Protein backbone atom coordinates (compact mmCIF):
# COMPACT_ATOMS: atom_id res chain seq x y z
CA MET A 1 -173.12 -249.57 -308.94
CA THR A 2 -171.55 -251.70 -306.26
CA TYR A 3 -170.45 -248.58 -304.85
CA PHE A 4 -174.07 -248.13 -302.54
CA LYS A 5 -174.40 -252.33 -302.10
CA THR A 6 -173.73 -251.60 -298.10
CA PHE A 7 -176.69 -249.86 -295.95
CA GLU A 8 -174.01 -247.91 -294.94
CA ALA A 9 -173.75 -246.18 -298.47
CA LYS A 10 -177.02 -246.49 -299.12
CA LEU A 11 -177.60 -243.65 -295.93
CA PHE A 12 -174.39 -241.53 -297.51
CA LEU A 13 -175.78 -241.67 -300.43
CA ILE A 14 -179.41 -240.22 -299.42
CA LEU A 15 -178.08 -237.85 -296.54
CA PHE A 16 -175.96 -236.31 -299.02
CA LEU A 17 -179.19 -235.94 -301.34
CA CYS A 18 -181.66 -234.80 -298.91
CA SER A 19 -178.42 -231.42 -297.78
CA THR A 20 -177.63 -230.45 -301.74
CA LEU A 21 -181.71 -230.06 -301.99
CA ILE A 22 -181.27 -228.45 -298.65
CA ASN A 23 -178.87 -226.09 -299.83
CA ALA A 24 -180.17 -225.56 -302.59
CA ASN A 25 -183.35 -224.55 -301.29
CA ALA A 26 -181.50 -221.85 -299.18
CA GLU A 27 -178.89 -220.34 -301.54
CA GLU A 28 -182.78 -219.73 -303.66
CA ALA A 29 -184.88 -218.25 -300.59
CA ASP A 30 -181.67 -215.98 -299.89
CA ILE A 31 -181.27 -214.78 -303.27
CA THR A 32 -181.62 -210.87 -302.84
CA THR A 33 -183.96 -208.77 -306.03
CA PRO A 34 -181.45 -208.38 -309.31
CA SER A 35 -181.15 -204.92 -310.27
CA VAL A 36 -183.33 -203.32 -313.15
CA PRO A 37 -181.79 -204.14 -317.02
CA THR A 38 -179.85 -201.57 -319.38
CA ILE A 39 -183.25 -200.04 -320.38
CA ALA A 40 -181.66 -198.51 -324.74
CA ALA A 41 -184.12 -195.56 -324.49
CA SER A 42 -184.47 -192.29 -323.72
CA SER A 43 -187.26 -192.69 -320.36
CA PHE A 44 -189.05 -196.18 -319.53
CA ILE A 45 -191.25 -197.24 -316.69
CA LEU A 46 -192.81 -200.64 -315.42
CA GLN A 47 -195.61 -200.85 -313.53
CA ASP A 48 -198.21 -202.91 -311.50
CA PHE A 49 -201.41 -202.55 -313.37
CA ASN A 50 -203.22 -203.43 -309.46
CA THR A 51 -201.44 -202.02 -307.54
CA GLY A 52 -199.58 -199.01 -309.33
CA LYS A 53 -195.35 -200.29 -308.02
CA VAL A 54 -193.67 -198.96 -310.13
CA ILE A 55 -190.83 -201.41 -310.81
CA ALA A 56 -188.54 -199.97 -312.33
CA GLU A 57 -188.24 -196.49 -314.01
CA ASN A 58 -185.41 -194.21 -315.64
CA ASN A 59 -186.31 -190.17 -316.50
CA ALA A 60 -190.24 -191.55 -316.28
CA ASP A 61 -191.08 -187.68 -315.19
CA SER A 62 -188.86 -186.60 -318.47
CA LYS A 63 -191.29 -184.71 -321.15
CA LEU A 64 -191.21 -186.11 -324.19
CA ALA A 65 -192.74 -185.97 -327.51
CA PRO A 66 -195.36 -189.51 -327.20
CA ALA A 67 -196.28 -189.20 -331.41
CA SER A 68 -198.91 -191.90 -331.87
CA LEU A 69 -198.55 -192.70 -327.73
CA THR A 70 -201.47 -189.97 -328.30
CA LYS A 71 -203.58 -192.14 -328.98
CA ILE A 72 -204.36 -193.52 -325.81
CA LEU A 73 -205.40 -190.29 -324.36
CA THR A 74 -207.04 -189.93 -327.89
CA VAL A 75 -209.94 -192.94 -327.28
CA TYR A 76 -209.93 -192.37 -323.89
CA VAL A 77 -212.09 -189.36 -324.68
CA VAL A 78 -214.55 -190.97 -327.15
CA PHE A 79 -214.40 -194.05 -324.23
CA ASN A 80 -215.87 -191.66 -321.78
CA GLU A 81 -218.66 -189.55 -324.30
CA ILE A 82 -219.86 -192.78 -325.36
CA LYS A 83 -220.01 -194.09 -321.18
CA ASN A 84 -222.01 -190.61 -320.44
CA ASP A 85 -224.49 -191.14 -323.39
CA HIS A 86 -223.37 -188.45 -326.45
CA LEU A 87 -221.82 -190.58 -328.62
CA LYS A 88 -222.68 -194.56 -329.59
CA LEU A 89 -220.35 -197.08 -331.30
CA GLY A 90 -222.53 -196.82 -334.56
CA ASP A 91 -222.80 -193.16 -335.18
CA LYS A 92 -221.78 -191.87 -338.90
CA VAL A 93 -218.54 -189.31 -338.75
CA THR A 94 -218.74 -186.84 -341.96
CA ILE A 95 -214.42 -187.73 -343.06
CA SER A 96 -213.92 -183.59 -344.17
CA GLN A 97 -211.08 -182.44 -346.56
CA ASN A 98 -209.07 -181.70 -343.21
CA ALA A 99 -208.61 -184.97 -341.49
CA TRP A 100 -208.18 -186.69 -345.19
CA LYS A 101 -205.55 -185.02 -345.69
CA THR A 102 -203.65 -185.61 -342.85
CA GLY A 103 -199.99 -186.77 -342.98
CA GLY A 104 -198.68 -190.12 -342.22
CA SER A 105 -199.63 -193.13 -341.20
CA LYS A 106 -203.41 -193.44 -342.49
CA MET A 107 -207.08 -195.61 -342.01
CA PHE A 108 -207.51 -195.14 -346.21
CA VAL A 109 -210.97 -192.61 -345.26
CA LYS A 110 -211.94 -190.60 -348.08
CA VAL A 111 -213.72 -187.23 -347.75
CA ASN A 112 -217.43 -186.84 -347.58
CA ASP A 113 -217.01 -190.63 -346.27
CA GLN A 114 -219.70 -192.10 -343.73
CA VAL A 115 -217.57 -194.37 -341.55
CA ASN A 116 -218.80 -195.56 -337.66
CA ILE A 117 -217.44 -194.52 -334.81
CA GLU A 118 -216.23 -198.80 -333.86
CA ASP A 119 -214.28 -198.63 -337.67
CA LEU A 120 -212.92 -195.10 -337.02
CA LEU A 121 -211.55 -196.38 -333.18
CA LYS A 122 -210.31 -199.73 -334.37
CA GLY A 123 -208.70 -197.74 -337.35
CA VAL A 124 -206.63 -195.79 -335.03
CA ILE A 125 -205.52 -198.11 -331.96
CA ILE A 126 -204.52 -200.38 -334.74
CA GLN A 127 -204.26 -198.86 -337.68
CA SER A 128 -202.63 -195.90 -336.15
CA GLY A 129 -204.37 -194.24 -338.86
CA ASN A 130 -203.69 -190.47 -338.75
CA ASP A 131 -207.04 -189.49 -340.47
CA ALA A 132 -209.03 -191.20 -338.22
CA SER A 133 -207.57 -189.50 -334.76
CA VAL A 134 -209.43 -185.99 -336.92
CA ALA A 135 -211.98 -187.52 -338.07
CA LEU A 136 -213.13 -188.08 -333.93
CA ALA A 137 -211.30 -185.22 -332.89
CA GLU A 138 -213.90 -183.21 -334.85
CA HIS A 139 -216.89 -185.44 -334.79
CA VAL A 140 -216.16 -184.88 -330.83
CA GLY A 141 -215.26 -181.94 -329.89
CA GLY A 142 -215.71 -179.96 -333.13
CA ASN A 143 -212.25 -178.72 -334.00
CA GLU A 144 -209.12 -180.21 -333.19
CA ALA A 145 -208.33 -177.58 -331.03
CA ALA A 146 -211.57 -178.34 -328.71
CA PHE A 147 -211.17 -181.73 -328.35
CA ALA A 148 -207.32 -180.95 -327.56
CA GLU A 149 -209.22 -179.18 -324.57
CA MET A 150 -210.89 -182.48 -323.92
CA MET A 151 -208.21 -183.85 -324.10
CA ASN A 152 -205.89 -182.38 -320.99
CA GLN A 153 -208.93 -181.85 -318.87
CA HIS A 154 -209.10 -185.60 -318.66
CA ALA A 155 -205.06 -185.66 -318.95
CA ALA A 156 -205.54 -183.42 -315.58
CA ARG A 157 -208.73 -185.30 -313.78
CA LEU A 158 -205.84 -188.52 -313.95
CA GLY A 159 -203.07 -186.71 -312.50
CA MET A 160 -200.76 -186.67 -315.75
CA ALA A 161 -199.31 -183.44 -313.81
CA ASN A 162 -196.13 -183.16 -316.93
CA SER A 163 -198.31 -184.08 -319.84
CA HIS A 164 -199.75 -180.86 -322.80
CA PHE A 165 -201.58 -181.91 -325.26
CA GLU A 166 -202.06 -179.80 -328.84
CA ASN A 167 -203.93 -182.28 -331.22
CA SER A 168 -205.37 -185.93 -331.59
CA ASP A 169 -202.87 -188.12 -333.79
CA GLY A 170 -199.30 -186.80 -332.02
CA LEU A 171 -197.48 -185.72 -335.12
CA PRO A 172 -194.57 -183.08 -334.03
CA SER A 173 -195.55 -179.86 -332.36
CA ASP A 174 -193.78 -177.98 -330.03
CA GLY A 175 -196.22 -177.69 -327.25
CA HIS A 176 -197.09 -181.46 -327.37
CA TYR A 177 -195.65 -183.72 -324.80
CA THR A 178 -196.01 -186.61 -322.55
CA THR A 179 -193.81 -188.58 -319.78
CA ALA A 180 -194.00 -192.29 -319.46
CA ARG A 181 -195.46 -191.87 -316.09
CA ASP A 182 -198.59 -189.89 -317.02
CA LEU A 183 -198.78 -192.91 -319.48
CA ALA A 184 -198.88 -195.32 -317.07
CA ILE A 185 -201.62 -193.96 -315.12
CA LEU A 186 -203.61 -193.34 -318.02
CA THR A 187 -203.18 -196.51 -319.54
CA THR A 188 -204.56 -197.45 -316.28
CA ALA A 189 -206.84 -195.35 -316.31
CA LEU A 190 -208.35 -197.08 -319.57
CA ILE A 191 -207.56 -200.73 -319.16
CA LYS A 192 -210.18 -200.41 -315.06
CA GLU A 193 -212.81 -197.98 -316.54
CA PHE A 194 -212.87 -199.95 -320.83
CA PRO A 195 -211.79 -203.17 -319.92
CA GLN A 196 -215.39 -204.20 -322.78
CA TYR A 197 -212.81 -202.10 -325.42
CA TYR A 198 -209.68 -203.48 -323.97
CA PRO A 199 -209.92 -205.99 -326.65
CA TRP A 200 -209.26 -203.98 -329.68
CA PHE A 201 -205.88 -203.07 -328.34
CA SER A 202 -204.91 -207.30 -329.06
CA GLN A 203 -206.01 -207.43 -332.48
CA LYS A 204 -203.48 -208.14 -334.90
CA GLU A 205 -204.85 -206.30 -337.84
CA PHE A 206 -207.72 -204.65 -338.82
CA THR A 207 -209.22 -204.34 -342.28
CA TYR A 208 -211.59 -200.99 -343.54
CA ASN A 209 -211.90 -200.22 -347.30
CA LYS A 210 -210.62 -203.84 -348.00
CA ILE A 211 -207.02 -202.40 -347.44
CA THR A 212 -205.69 -204.54 -344.21
CA GLN A 213 -203.40 -203.29 -341.87
CA LYS A 214 -201.31 -204.70 -339.06
CA ASN A 215 -200.95 -203.91 -335.95
CA ARG A 216 -197.65 -202.88 -335.44
CA ASN A 217 -197.00 -204.09 -331.87
CA LEU A 218 -195.04 -206.76 -332.54
CA LEU A 219 -194.86 -207.93 -329.29
CA LEU A 220 -198.84 -208.89 -329.78
CA SER A 221 -197.00 -211.77 -332.19
CA ARG A 222 -194.27 -212.57 -329.67
CA ASP A 223 -195.86 -212.82 -326.79
CA GLY A 224 -198.98 -213.92 -326.02
CA SER A 225 -199.33 -212.38 -322.40
CA VAL A 226 -198.91 -208.89 -324.37
CA ASP A 227 -202.17 -207.62 -324.53
CA GLY A 228 -201.86 -204.60 -325.68
CA VAL A 229 -201.40 -201.75 -325.83
CA LYS A 230 -200.54 -198.92 -328.78
CA THR A 231 -196.74 -197.93 -330.36
CA GLY A 232 -195.72 -194.74 -331.90
CA HIS A 233 -192.97 -192.67 -333.89
CA THR A 234 -191.60 -189.61 -335.29
CA ASP A 235 -188.12 -188.60 -335.83
CA GLU A 236 -188.54 -186.24 -332.49
CA ALA A 237 -189.47 -189.02 -330.89
CA GLY A 238 -187.67 -192.11 -332.18
CA TYR A 239 -189.86 -195.44 -331.15
CA CYS A 240 -191.76 -195.98 -328.86
CA LEU A 241 -194.58 -198.18 -327.18
CA VAL A 242 -196.69 -198.49 -324.30
CA ALA A 243 -197.02 -202.81 -323.78
CA SER A 244 -199.74 -204.12 -321.11
CA ALA A 245 -198.85 -207.94 -320.58
CA LEU A 246 -201.04 -210.31 -317.81
CA ARG A 247 -199.81 -213.29 -316.66
CA ASN A 248 -201.12 -215.72 -314.25
CA GLY A 249 -203.19 -212.98 -312.88
CA MET A 250 -200.54 -210.53 -313.06
CA ARG A 251 -200.85 -207.51 -315.52
CA LEU A 252 -198.22 -205.27 -315.79
CA ILE A 253 -197.63 -202.22 -317.99
CA SER A 254 -193.28 -201.04 -319.94
CA VAL A 255 -193.12 -197.91 -320.98
CA VAL A 256 -190.31 -197.32 -323.31
CA MET A 257 -189.86 -193.92 -325.37
CA GLY A 258 -187.65 -192.44 -327.44
CA THR A 259 -185.77 -196.11 -329.49
CA GLU A 260 -183.98 -196.61 -332.34
CA SER A 261 -185.62 -199.19 -333.69
CA GLU A 262 -188.79 -200.50 -334.42
CA ASN A 263 -187.69 -204.05 -333.23
CA ALA A 264 -185.29 -202.09 -330.18
CA ARG A 265 -188.86 -200.91 -328.72
CA ALA A 266 -190.67 -204.58 -328.69
CA ASN A 267 -187.07 -206.33 -327.26
CA GLU A 268 -186.63 -203.57 -324.71
CA ASN A 269 -190.55 -204.07 -323.90
CA GLN A 270 -190.10 -207.71 -323.67
CA THR A 271 -186.65 -207.09 -321.51
CA LEU A 272 -188.17 -204.98 -318.87
CA LEU A 273 -191.72 -207.26 -318.80
CA ASN A 274 -190.02 -210.63 -318.61
CA TYR A 275 -188.12 -209.18 -314.96
CA GLY A 276 -190.97 -207.99 -313.69
CA PHE A 277 -193.11 -211.54 -313.92
CA ARG A 278 -189.66 -212.82 -313.19
CA PHE A 279 -189.24 -210.74 -310.09
CA PHE A 280 -191.84 -209.63 -308.64
CA GLU A 281 -195.27 -211.40 -307.26
CA SER A 282 -199.08 -209.69 -306.86
CA HIS A 283 -201.29 -210.51 -304.55
CA ARG A 284 -205.03 -209.96 -303.35
CA LEU A 285 -204.89 -209.34 -299.82
CA TYR A 286 -208.62 -208.75 -299.46
CA GLU A 287 -211.65 -208.41 -301.63
CA GLY A 288 -213.08 -204.77 -302.11
CA LYS A 289 -217.13 -204.36 -300.46
CA LYS A 290 -216.93 -207.01 -298.12
CA ALA A 291 -216.57 -207.41 -294.93
CA ILE A 292 -213.44 -207.22 -293.42
CA GLN A 293 -215.24 -207.28 -289.43
CA GLU A 294 -218.65 -206.30 -288.69
CA GLN A 295 -217.69 -203.12 -285.69
CA ARG A 296 -220.43 -201.52 -282.71
CA ILE A 297 -222.72 -198.50 -284.56
CA TRP A 298 -223.83 -196.74 -281.33
CA LYS A 299 -227.27 -195.54 -281.58
CA GLY A 300 -228.15 -196.54 -285.29
CA GLU A 301 -231.02 -198.26 -286.38
CA ILE A 302 -228.25 -201.70 -286.26
CA GLN A 303 -226.05 -202.76 -283.21
CA HIS A 304 -223.29 -204.03 -285.81
CA ILE A 305 -221.56 -202.50 -289.24
CA PRO A 306 -220.02 -204.12 -291.77
CA VAL A 307 -217.08 -202.74 -292.57
CA GLY A 308 -214.22 -202.99 -295.39
CA LEU A 309 -212.76 -202.05 -298.26
CA ALA A 310 -214.04 -200.63 -301.47
CA GLU A 311 -212.18 -201.74 -303.93
CA ASP A 312 -209.94 -205.17 -304.01
CA PHE A 313 -206.40 -204.55 -301.95
CA TYR A 314 -203.14 -205.34 -304.00
CA VAL A 315 -200.07 -205.23 -303.04
CA THR A 316 -196.70 -206.03 -304.95
CA ILE A 317 -193.64 -207.87 -303.52
CA PRO A 318 -190.66 -209.39 -304.76
CA ARG A 319 -190.61 -213.25 -305.07
CA ARG A 320 -190.95 -215.53 -303.21
CA ARG A 321 -191.95 -213.01 -299.43
CA TYR A 322 -195.26 -213.91 -299.78
CA LYS A 323 -195.19 -214.91 -296.10
CA ASP A 324 -193.23 -212.53 -294.65
CA LEU A 325 -195.87 -210.45 -295.35
CA LYS A 326 -198.12 -209.11 -291.80
CA ALA A 327 -201.05 -206.93 -292.01
CA ALA A 328 -202.12 -204.14 -289.31
CA ILE A 329 -205.90 -203.44 -289.04
CA LYS A 330 -207.18 -200.53 -287.25
CA ILE A 331 -211.37 -199.22 -286.83
CA ASN A 332 -212.45 -196.86 -284.88
CA SER A 333 -212.83 -197.20 -281.04
CA GLU A 334 -216.16 -195.65 -281.40
CA ILE A 335 -218.68 -195.83 -284.00
CA LEU A 336 -221.60 -193.37 -284.22
CA ALA A 337 -225.29 -192.86 -285.97
CA PRO A 338 -225.81 -192.03 -288.71
CA VAL A 339 -223.62 -193.98 -291.17
CA LYS A 340 -223.14 -193.55 -294.99
CA ALA A 341 -220.96 -196.12 -297.11
CA GLY A 342 -218.31 -195.30 -297.92
CA GLU A 343 -217.60 -193.33 -294.62
CA LYS A 344 -213.58 -194.23 -293.54
CA LEU A 345 -214.17 -195.96 -289.77
CA GLY A 346 -210.45 -197.18 -290.00
CA SER A 347 -207.10 -198.65 -292.44
CA VAL A 348 -205.36 -201.40 -292.71
CA SER A 349 -202.28 -201.38 -293.50
CA VAL A 350 -199.49 -203.73 -294.79
CA ALA A 351 -195.34 -204.05 -293.72
CA LEU A 352 -193.14 -206.39 -295.30
CA ASN A 353 -189.72 -206.50 -292.92
CA ASN A 354 -191.27 -203.73 -290.31
CA GLU A 355 -191.92 -201.61 -293.21
CA THR A 356 -195.22 -200.56 -294.33
CA ILE A 357 -195.82 -200.90 -297.84
CA ALA A 358 -199.03 -200.47 -298.72
CA THR A 359 -202.39 -198.98 -296.47
CA LYS A 360 -205.89 -198.61 -297.70
CA ASN A 361 -208.59 -197.19 -295.65
CA LEU A 362 -211.17 -199.38 -294.22
CA VAL A 363 -215.54 -197.78 -295.24
CA ALA A 364 -218.54 -198.43 -294.14
CA LEU A 365 -219.84 -200.82 -296.46
CA GLN A 366 -224.02 -200.03 -296.13
CA ASN A 367 -225.75 -196.87 -294.74
CA VAL A 368 -226.83 -196.73 -290.91
CA GLU A 369 -229.41 -194.53 -290.12
CA LYS A 370 -230.13 -193.29 -286.25
CA GLY A 371 -232.52 -195.84 -284.62
CA GLY A 372 -235.64 -194.92 -282.32
CA ILE A 373 -235.52 -193.01 -279.50
CA PHE A 374 -235.16 -195.46 -276.64
CA ARG A 375 -232.04 -197.13 -278.80
CA GLN A 376 -230.40 -194.33 -278.71
CA LEU A 377 -230.70 -194.08 -274.58
CA TYR A 378 -230.16 -197.33 -274.70
CA ASP A 379 -226.77 -197.05 -275.96
CA SER A 380 -225.94 -194.07 -274.05
CA ALA A 381 -226.38 -195.56 -270.88
CA LEU A 382 -225.11 -198.39 -271.62
CA ARG A 383 -221.44 -196.05 -273.10
CA MET A 384 -222.11 -194.25 -269.15
CA ILE A 385 -221.24 -197.58 -267.91
CA GLY A 386 -218.66 -198.50 -270.55
CA LYS A 387 -220.06 -201.21 -271.92
């Protein structure tokens, strides 16, 4: 302790510590994003939910057997039928002989049971019941073939370009396939469109007919930020898992297909999620449906129109790079009435290191009709003299 009694010694110590901290911060700032970790799977993808930014991928467009990951689309179709008032959660479904005898994982419904749609959905999501999947497919489509057509129509609408479905449960079939990328697209749509039902995907067990079965998604118990989505397994598909996690306002979706075990699919998804959350961040730059700027509109019933984004504008960037973002707003120089809400009036783009990483349309946030004859004449005169 006697070494630091003099003023000079104390000053030297302070300067040394400050230098160490400055150098440590400089080194941290210079760290580049590490390479994607090795993932022991046939195919995988890691994607930001809000931006669609792909953080990591390998063979993400390979057409593979999805096993019970199929059921994400099955319940998505049913959710849409409920949204369109074609079904209600309390509606009763009569269990057919065909549904009852379906092989593989079961909810253990019985022939001629009257089971409500909500219970069947939970039997599909939590218990991965093939019998429940077929029962829903028959109730909604009349038979499984018709329901599969509905599945493929929804898949096409969502942009799942490399998928084709032949059944509701994911049991092996030659023409039944999808990709990791398509499953990420589907999962994003499901969470965005049906947030009221999404909590079912985090439920760890479900009891039907006095039989309790646990959710096979091991990450629900291992990682408190994981709140879904679905497991799958057949001999052909291997062990598969679509996972989603929310940490500090950032949601990631990871899809791993073709791993060797139940533990492996959980571990590989965990590795992907940890990588994404550790080295990337998501920011909401602009709020949707809120005016970014008031712009002059000519010959309208009002003189200024609010211009903004149709939805929230997020970007995904490497950590510690937020301060390097630069936004550029471009709005049409002359806007003439009439204008409809949602009509494109410009754009906002965001760049990082002089490279554009995201662009969104700026739209009219309200309708503006033509003004009266005197307003139109007055504005015409102003435009002629350049005011």
